[in-house]
PDB file of all heavy atoms in Angstrom:
ATOM      1  N   THR A   1      88.091 107.165 122.727  1.00  0.00           N
ATOM      2  CA  THR A   1      88.804 106.002 122.107  1.00  0.00           C
ATOM      3  C   THR A   1      88.768 105.939 120.593  1.00  0.00           C
ATOM      4  O   THR A   1      89.745 105.739 119.937  1.00  0.00           O
ATOM      5  CB  THR A   1      88.073 104.695 122.656  1.00  0.00           C
ATOM      6  OG1 THR A   1      88.233 104.688 124.092  1.00  0.00           O
ATOM      7  CG2 THR A   1      88.865 103.421 122.151  1.00  0.00           C
ATOM      8  N   SER A   2      87.626 106.295 120.085  1.00  0.00           N
ATOM      9  CA  SER A   2      87.491 106.322 118.576  1.00  0.00           C
ATOM     10  C   SER A   2      88.389 107.338 117.966  1.00  0.00           C
ATOM     11  O   SER A   2      89.062 107.023 117.022  1.00  0.00           O
ATOM     12  CB  SER A   2      85.944 106.551 118.271  1.00  0.00           C
ATOM     13  OG  SER A   2      85.132 105.541 118.801  1.00  0.00           O
ATOM     14  N   GLY A   3      88.371 108.453 118.528  1.00  0.00           N
ATOM     15  CA  GLY A   3      89.227 109.499 117.946  1.00  0.00           C
ATOM     16  C   GLY A   3      90.667 109.258 118.010  1.00  0.00           C
ATOM     17  O   GLY A   3      91.584 109.466 117.091  1.00  0.00           O
ATOM     18  N   THR A   4      91.146 108.668 119.146  1.00  0.00           N
ATOM     19  CA  THR A   4      92.483 108.226 119.379  1.00  0.00           C
ATOM     20  C   THR A   4      92.890 107.104 118.438  1.00  0.00           C
ATOM     21  O   THR A   4      93.999 107.143 117.815  1.00  0.00           O
ATOM     22  CB  THR A   4      92.706 107.776 120.832  1.00  0.00           C
ATOM     23  OG1 THR A   4      92.446 108.913 121.684  1.00  0.00           O
ATOM     24  CG2 THR A   4      94.229 107.450 121.059  1.00  0.00           C
ATOM     25  N   LEU A   5      92.061 106.141 118.291  1.00  0.00           N
ATOM     26  CA  LEU A   5      92.346 105.045 117.320  1.00  0.00           C
ATOM     27  C   LEU A   5      92.484 105.513 115.874  1.00  0.00           C
ATOM     28  O   LEU A   5      93.396 105.105 115.165  1.00  0.00           O
ATOM     29  CB  LEU A   5      91.171 104.018 117.379  1.00  0.00           C
ATOM     30  CG  LEU A   5      91.212 102.939 118.436  1.00  0.00           C
ATOM     31  CD1 LEU A   5      89.934 102.167 118.554  1.00  0.00           C
ATOM     32  CD2 LEU A   5      92.371 101.926 118.105  1.00  0.00           C
ATOM     33  N   VAL A   6      91.552 106.379 115.489  1.00  0.00           N
ATOM     34  CA  VAL A   6      91.710 106.920 114.097  1.00  0.00           C
ATOM     35  C   VAL A   6      92.999 107.679 113.935  1.00  0.00           C
ATOM     36  O   VAL A   6      93.740 107.495 112.961  1.00  0.00           O
ATOM     37  CB  VAL A   6      90.467 107.867 113.797  1.00  0.00           C
ATOM     38  CG1 VAL A   6      90.782 108.615 112.505  1.00  0.00           C
ATOM     39  CG2 VAL A   6      89.136 107.151 113.796  1.00  0.00           C
ATOM     40  N   ALA A   7      93.315 108.594 114.864  1.00  0.00           N
ATOM     41  CA  ALA A   7      94.580 109.430 114.774  1.00  0.00           C
ATOM     42  C   ALA A   7      95.893 108.592 114.837  1.00  0.00           C
ATOM     43  O   ALA A   7      96.660 108.795 113.890  1.00  0.00           O
ATOM     44  CB  ALA A   7      94.676 110.419 116.016  1.00  0.00           C
ATOM     45  N   VAL A   8      95.909 107.552 115.660  1.00  0.00           N
ATOM     46  CA  VAL A   8      97.096 106.714 115.765  1.00  0.00           C
ATOM     47  C   VAL A   8      97.241 105.821 114.596  1.00  0.00           C
ATOM     48  O   VAL A   8      98.297 105.696 113.983  1.00  0.00           O
ATOM     49  CB  VAL A   8      97.061 105.838 117.064  1.00  0.00           C
ATOM     50  CG1 VAL A   8      98.348 104.888 117.088  1.00  0.00           C
ATOM     51  CG2 VAL A   8      97.139 106.796 118.257  1.00  0.00           C
ATOM     52  N   THR A   9      96.090 105.134 114.155  1.00  0.00           N
ATOM     53  CA  THR A   9      96.304 104.193 112.971  1.00  0.00           C
ATOM     54  C   THR A   9      96.525 104.954 111.657  1.00  0.00           C
ATOM     55  O   THR A   9      97.316 104.442 110.847  1.00  0.00           O
ATOM     56  CB  THR A   9      94.943 103.450 112.862  1.00  0.00           C
ATOM     57  OG1 THR A   9      93.818 104.373 112.771  1.00  0.00           O
ATOM     58  CG2 THR A   9      94.739 102.383 114.013  1.00  0.00           C
ATOM     59  N   GLN A  10      96.049 106.179 111.594  1.00  0.00           N
ATOM     60  CA  GLN A  10      96.395 106.952 110.388  1.00  0.00           C
ATOM     61  C   GLN A  10      97.762 107.397 110.415  1.00  0.00           C
ATOM     62  O   GLN A  10      98.590 107.273 109.423  1.00  0.00           O
ATOM     63  CB  GLN A  10      95.490 108.107 110.340  1.00  0.00           C
ATOM     64  CG  GLN A  10      94.075 107.868 109.854  1.00  0.00           C
ATOM     65  CD  GLN A  10      93.132 109.132 109.854  1.00  0.00           C
ATOM     66  OE1 GLN A  10      93.542 110.192 110.269  1.00  0.00           O
ATOM     67  NE2 GLN A  10      91.971 108.956 109.187  1.00  0.00           N
ATOM     68  N   LYS A  11      98.387 107.827 111.552  1.00  0.00           N
ATOM     69  CA  LYS A  11      99.801 108.156 111.697  1.00  0.00           C
ATOM     70  C   LYS A  11     100.640 107.018 111.388  1.00  0.00           C
ATOM     71  O   LYS A  11     101.688 107.176 110.786  1.00  0.00           O
ATOM     72  CB  LYS A  11      99.998 108.706 113.069  1.00  0.00           C
ATOM     73  CG  LYS A  11     101.426 109.130 113.350  1.00  0.00           C
ATOM     74  CD  LYS A  11     101.785 110.406 112.596  1.00  0.00           C
ATOM     75  CE  LYS A  11     103.148 110.937 113.058  1.00  0.00           C
ATOM     76  NZ  LYS A  11     103.649 112.132 112.319  1.00  0.00           N
ATOM     77  N   ALA A  12     100.257 105.874 111.849  1.00  0.00           N
ATOM     78  CA  ALA A  12     101.115 104.680 111.740  1.00  0.00           C
ATOM     79  C   ALA A  12     100.931 103.968 110.319  1.00  0.00           C
ATOM     80  O   ALA A  12     101.600 102.980 109.976  1.00  0.00           O
ATOM     81  CB  ALA A  12     100.811 103.646 112.880  1.00  0.00           C
ATOM     82  N   GLY A  13      99.877 104.374 109.580  1.00  0.00           N
ATOM     83  CA  GLY A  13      99.607 103.792 108.260  1.00  0.00           C
ATOM     84  C   GLY A  13      99.084 102.400 108.424  1.00  0.00           C
ATOM     85  O   GLY A  13      99.214 101.529 107.514  1.00  0.00           O
ATOM     86  N   LEU A  14      98.282 102.185 109.485  1.00  0.00           N
ATOM     87  CA  LEU A  14      97.760 100.809 109.894  1.00  0.00           C
ATOM     88  C   LEU A  14      96.364 100.680 109.167  1.00  0.00           C
ATOM     89  O   LEU A  14      95.807  99.549 109.156  1.00  0.00           O
ATOM     90  CB  LEU A  14      97.708 100.588 111.393  1.00  0.00           C
ATOM     91  CG  LEU A  14      99.036 100.538 112.012  1.00  0.00           C
ATOM     92  CD1 LEU A  14      98.852 100.441 113.550  1.00  0.00           C
ATOM     93  CD2 LEU A  14      99.912  99.381 111.493  1.00  0.00           C
ATOM     94  N   ALA A  15      95.661 101.813 108.884  1.00  0.00           N
ATOM     95  CA  ALA A  15      94.310 101.731 108.249  1.00  0.00           C
ATOM     96  C   ALA A  15      94.463 101.466 106.758  1.00  0.00           C
ATOM     97  O   ALA A  15      95.462 101.688 106.113  1.00  0.00           O
ATOM     98  CB  ALA A  15      93.532 103.095 108.547  1.00  0.00           C
ATOM     99  N   ASP A  16      93.411 100.891 106.184  1.00  0.00           N
ATOM    100  CA  ASP A  16      93.393 100.549 104.756  1.00  0.00           C
ATOM    101  C   ASP A  16      93.034 101.816 104.070  1.00  0.00           C
ATOM    102  O   ASP A  16      92.865 102.954 104.591  1.00  0.00           O
ATOM    103  CB  ASP A  16      92.389  99.397 104.385  1.00  0.00           C
ATOM    104  CG  ASP A  16      90.922  99.758 104.739  1.00  0.00           C
ATOM    105  OD1 ASP A  16      90.575 100.965 104.882  1.00  0.00           O
ATOM    106  OD2 ASP A  16      90.128  98.890 104.967  1.00  0.00           O
ATOM    107  N   LYS A  17      92.949 101.727 102.617  1.00  0.00           N
ATOM    108  CA  LYS A  17      92.741 102.933 101.825  1.00  0.00           C
ATOM    109  C   LYS A  17      91.349 103.524 102.011  1.00  0.00           C
ATOM    110  O   LYS A  17      91.202 104.791 101.705  1.00  0.00           O
ATOM    111  CB  LYS A  17      92.848 102.547 100.341  1.00  0.00           C
ATOM    112  CG  LYS A  17      91.862 101.416  99.875  1.00  0.00           C
ATOM    113  CD  LYS A  17      92.043 101.153  98.378  1.00  0.00           C
ATOM    114  CE  LYS A  17      90.999 100.073  97.996  1.00  0.00           C
ATOM    115  NZ  LYS A  17      91.208  99.804  96.510  1.00  0.00           N
ATOM    116  N   ASN A  18      90.506 102.897 102.605  1.00  0.00           N
ATOM    117  CA  ASN A  18      89.145 103.466 102.909  1.00  0.00           C
ATOM    118  C   ASN A  18      89.161 104.030 104.313  1.00  0.00           C
ATOM    119  O   ASN A  18      87.987 104.487 104.814  1.00  0.00           O
ATOM    120  CB  ASN A  18      88.057 102.448 102.767  1.00  0.00           C
ATOM    121  CG  ASN A  18      87.955 101.981 101.262  1.00  0.00           C
ATOM    122  OD1 ASN A  18      88.103 102.808 100.242  1.00  0.00           O
ATOM    123  ND2 ASN A  18      87.826 100.715 101.028  1.00  0.00           N
ATOM    124  N   GLY A  19      90.241 103.897 105.036  1.00  0.00           N
ATOM    125  CA  GLY A  19      90.280 104.418 106.473  1.00  0.00           C
ATOM    126  C   GLY A  19      89.800 103.350 107.392  1.00  0.00           C
ATOM    127  O   GLY A  19      89.709 103.620 108.645  1.00  0.00           O
ATOM    128  N   ASN A  20      89.492 102.198 107.027  1.00  0.00           N
ATOM    129  CA  ASN A  20      88.985 101.078 107.961  1.00  0.00           C
ATOM    130  C   ASN A  20      90.107 100.561 108.712  1.00  0.00           C
ATOM    131  O   ASN A  20      91.237 100.378 108.176  1.00  0.00           O
ATOM    132  CB  ASN A  20      88.282  99.962 107.225  1.00  0.00           C
ATOM    133  CG  ASN A  20      87.044 100.597 106.440  1.00  0.00           C
ATOM    134  OD1 ASN A  20      86.251 101.347 107.042  1.00  0.00           O
ATOM    135  ND2 ASN A  20      86.903 100.092 105.211  1.00  0.00           N
ATOM    136  N   MET A  21      89.938 100.247 109.987  1.00  0.00           N
ATOM    137  CA  MET A  21      90.973  99.773 110.819  1.00  0.00           C
ATOM    138  C   MET A  21      90.818  98.213 111.114  1.00  0.00           C
ATOM    139  O   MET A  21      89.747  97.859 111.538  1.00  0.00           O
ATOM    140  CB  MET A  21      90.966 100.566 112.205  1.00  0.00           C
ATOM    141  CG  MET A  21      91.239 101.943 112.020  1.00  0.00           C
ATOM    142  SD  MET A  21      90.995 102.921 113.544  1.00  0.00           S
ATOM    143  CE  MET A  21      89.229 103.231 113.269  1.00  0.00           C
ATOM    144  N   PRO A  22      91.827  97.437 110.859  1.00  0.00           N
ATOM    145  CA  PRO A  22      91.715  96.062 111.209  1.00  0.00           C
ATOM    146  C   PRO A  22      91.649  95.871 112.715  1.00  0.00           C
ATOM    147  O   PRO A  22      92.208  96.677 113.446  1.00  0.00           O
ATOM    148  CB  PRO A  22      93.036  95.492 110.617  1.00  0.00           C
ATOM    149  CG  PRO A  22      94.042  96.592 110.625  1.00  0.00           C
ATOM    150  CD  PRO A  22      93.193  97.854 110.327  1.00  0.00           C
ATOM    151  N   ARG A  23      91.136  94.784 113.054  1.00  0.00           N
ATOM    152  CA  ARG A  23      90.953  94.355 114.506  1.00  0.00           C
ATOM    153  C   ARG A  23      90.411  95.490 115.394  1.00  0.00           C
ATOM    154  O   ARG A  23      90.814  95.627 116.617  1.00  0.00           O
ATOM    155  CB  ARG A  23      92.384  93.979 115.064  1.00  0.00           C
ATOM    156  CG  ARG A  23      93.183  92.934 114.218  1.00  0.00           C
ATOM    157  CD  ARG A  23      94.596  92.590 114.677  1.00  0.00           C
ATOM    158  NE  ARG A  23      95.309  93.766 114.866  1.00  0.00           N
ATOM    159  CZ  ARG A  23      96.038  94.330 113.878  1.00  0.00           C
ATOM    160  NH1 ARG A  23      95.847  93.904 112.641  1.00  0.00           N
ATOM    161  NH2 ARG A  23      96.805  95.486 113.963  1.00  0.00           N
ATOM    162  N   LEU A  24      89.566  96.275 114.818  1.00  0.00           N
ATOM    163  CA  LEU A  24      88.968  97.348 115.494  1.00  0.00           C
ATOM    164  C   LEU A  24      88.121  96.878 116.788  1.00  0.00           C
ATOM    165  O   LEU A  24      88.160  97.447 117.846  1.00  0.00           O
ATOM    166  CB  LEU A  24      87.888  98.172 114.658  1.00  0.00           C
ATOM    167  CG  LEU A  24      87.206  99.302 115.298  1.00  0.00           C
ATOM    168  CD1 LEU A  24      88.156 100.373 115.882  1.00  0.00           C
ATOM    169  CD2 LEU A  24      86.308  99.957 114.357  1.00  0.00           C
ATOM    170  N   GLY A  25      87.333  95.742 116.575  1.00  0.00           N
ATOM    171  CA  GLY A  25      86.611  95.208 117.694  1.00  0.00           C
ATOM    172  C   GLY A  25      87.551  94.801 118.906  1.00  0.00           C
ATOM    173  O   GLY A  25      87.200  95.075 120.052  1.00  0.00           O
ATOM    174  N   ARG A  26      88.634  94.272 118.569  1.00  0.00           N
ATOM    175  CA  ARG A  26      89.650  93.804 119.634  1.00  0.00           C
ATOM    176  C   ARG A  26      90.140  95.102 120.361  1.00  0.00           C
ATOM    177  O   ARG A  26      90.308  95.097 121.607  1.00  0.00           O
ATOM    178  CB  ARG A  26      90.780  93.115 119.101  1.00  0.00           C
ATOM    179  CG  ARG A  26      90.409  91.634 118.587  1.00  0.00           C
ATOM    180  CD  ARG A  26      91.640  90.821 118.233  1.00  0.00           C
ATOM    181  NE  ARG A  26      91.266  89.477 117.850  1.00  0.00           N
ATOM    182  CZ  ARG A  26      92.186  88.510 117.757  1.00  0.00           C
ATOM    183  NH1 ARG A  26      93.512  88.764 118.025  1.00  0.00           N
ATOM    184  NH2 ARG A  26      91.887  87.299 117.427  1.00  0.00           N
ATOM    185  N   ALA A  27      90.452  96.143 119.598  1.00  0.00           N
ATOM    186  CA  ALA A  27      91.035  97.357 120.182  1.00  0.00           C
ATOM    187  C   ALA A  27      90.012  97.988 121.063  1.00  0.00           C
ATOM    188  O   ALA A  27      90.268  98.406 122.197  1.00  0.00           O
ATOM    189  CB  ALA A  27      91.348  98.394 119.096  1.00  0.00           C
ATOM    190  N   LEU A  28      88.742  98.078 120.698  1.00  0.00           N
ATOM    191  CA  LEU A  28      87.679  98.618 121.563  1.00  0.00           C
ATOM    192  C   LEU A  28      87.346  97.782 122.814  1.00  0.00           C
ATOM    193  O   LEU A  28      87.125  98.181 123.916  1.00  0.00           O
ATOM    194  CB  LEU A  28      86.342  98.702 120.769  1.00  0.00           C
ATOM    195  CG  LEU A  28      86.486  99.856 119.647  1.00  0.00           C
ATOM    196  CD1 LEU A  28      85.308  99.733 118.683  1.00  0.00           C
ATOM    197  CD2 LEU A  28      86.521 101.198 120.205  1.00  0.00           C
ATOM    198  N   SER A  29      87.403  96.390 122.585  1.00  0.00           N
ATOM    199  CA  SER A  29      87.269  95.510 123.748  1.00  0.00           C
ATOM    200  C   SER A  29      88.348  95.573 124.710  1.00  0.00           C
ATOM    201  O   SER A  29      88.225  95.567 125.950  1.00  0.00           O
ATOM    202  CB  SER A  29      87.212  94.039 123.218  1.00  0.00           C
ATOM    203  OG  SER A  29      86.154  93.880 122.334  1.00  0.00           O
ATOM    204  N   ALA A  30      89.648  95.893 124.226  1.00  0.00           N
ATOM    205  CA  ALA A  30      90.713  96.133 125.173  1.00  0.00           C
ATOM    206  C   ALA A  30      90.487  97.310 126.039  1.00  0.00           C
ATOM    207  O   ALA A  30      90.789  97.314 127.180  1.00  0.00           O
ATOM    208  CB  ALA A  30      92.051  96.340 124.369  1.00  0.00           C
TER     209      ALA A  30
END
């Protein structure tokens, strides 16, 4: 899950400049 989240958010440009992902807790809970 973590690897996929990182790959997808980076590809979509959804992560911030530090690579942090918004709503990460919600994604993992899902």
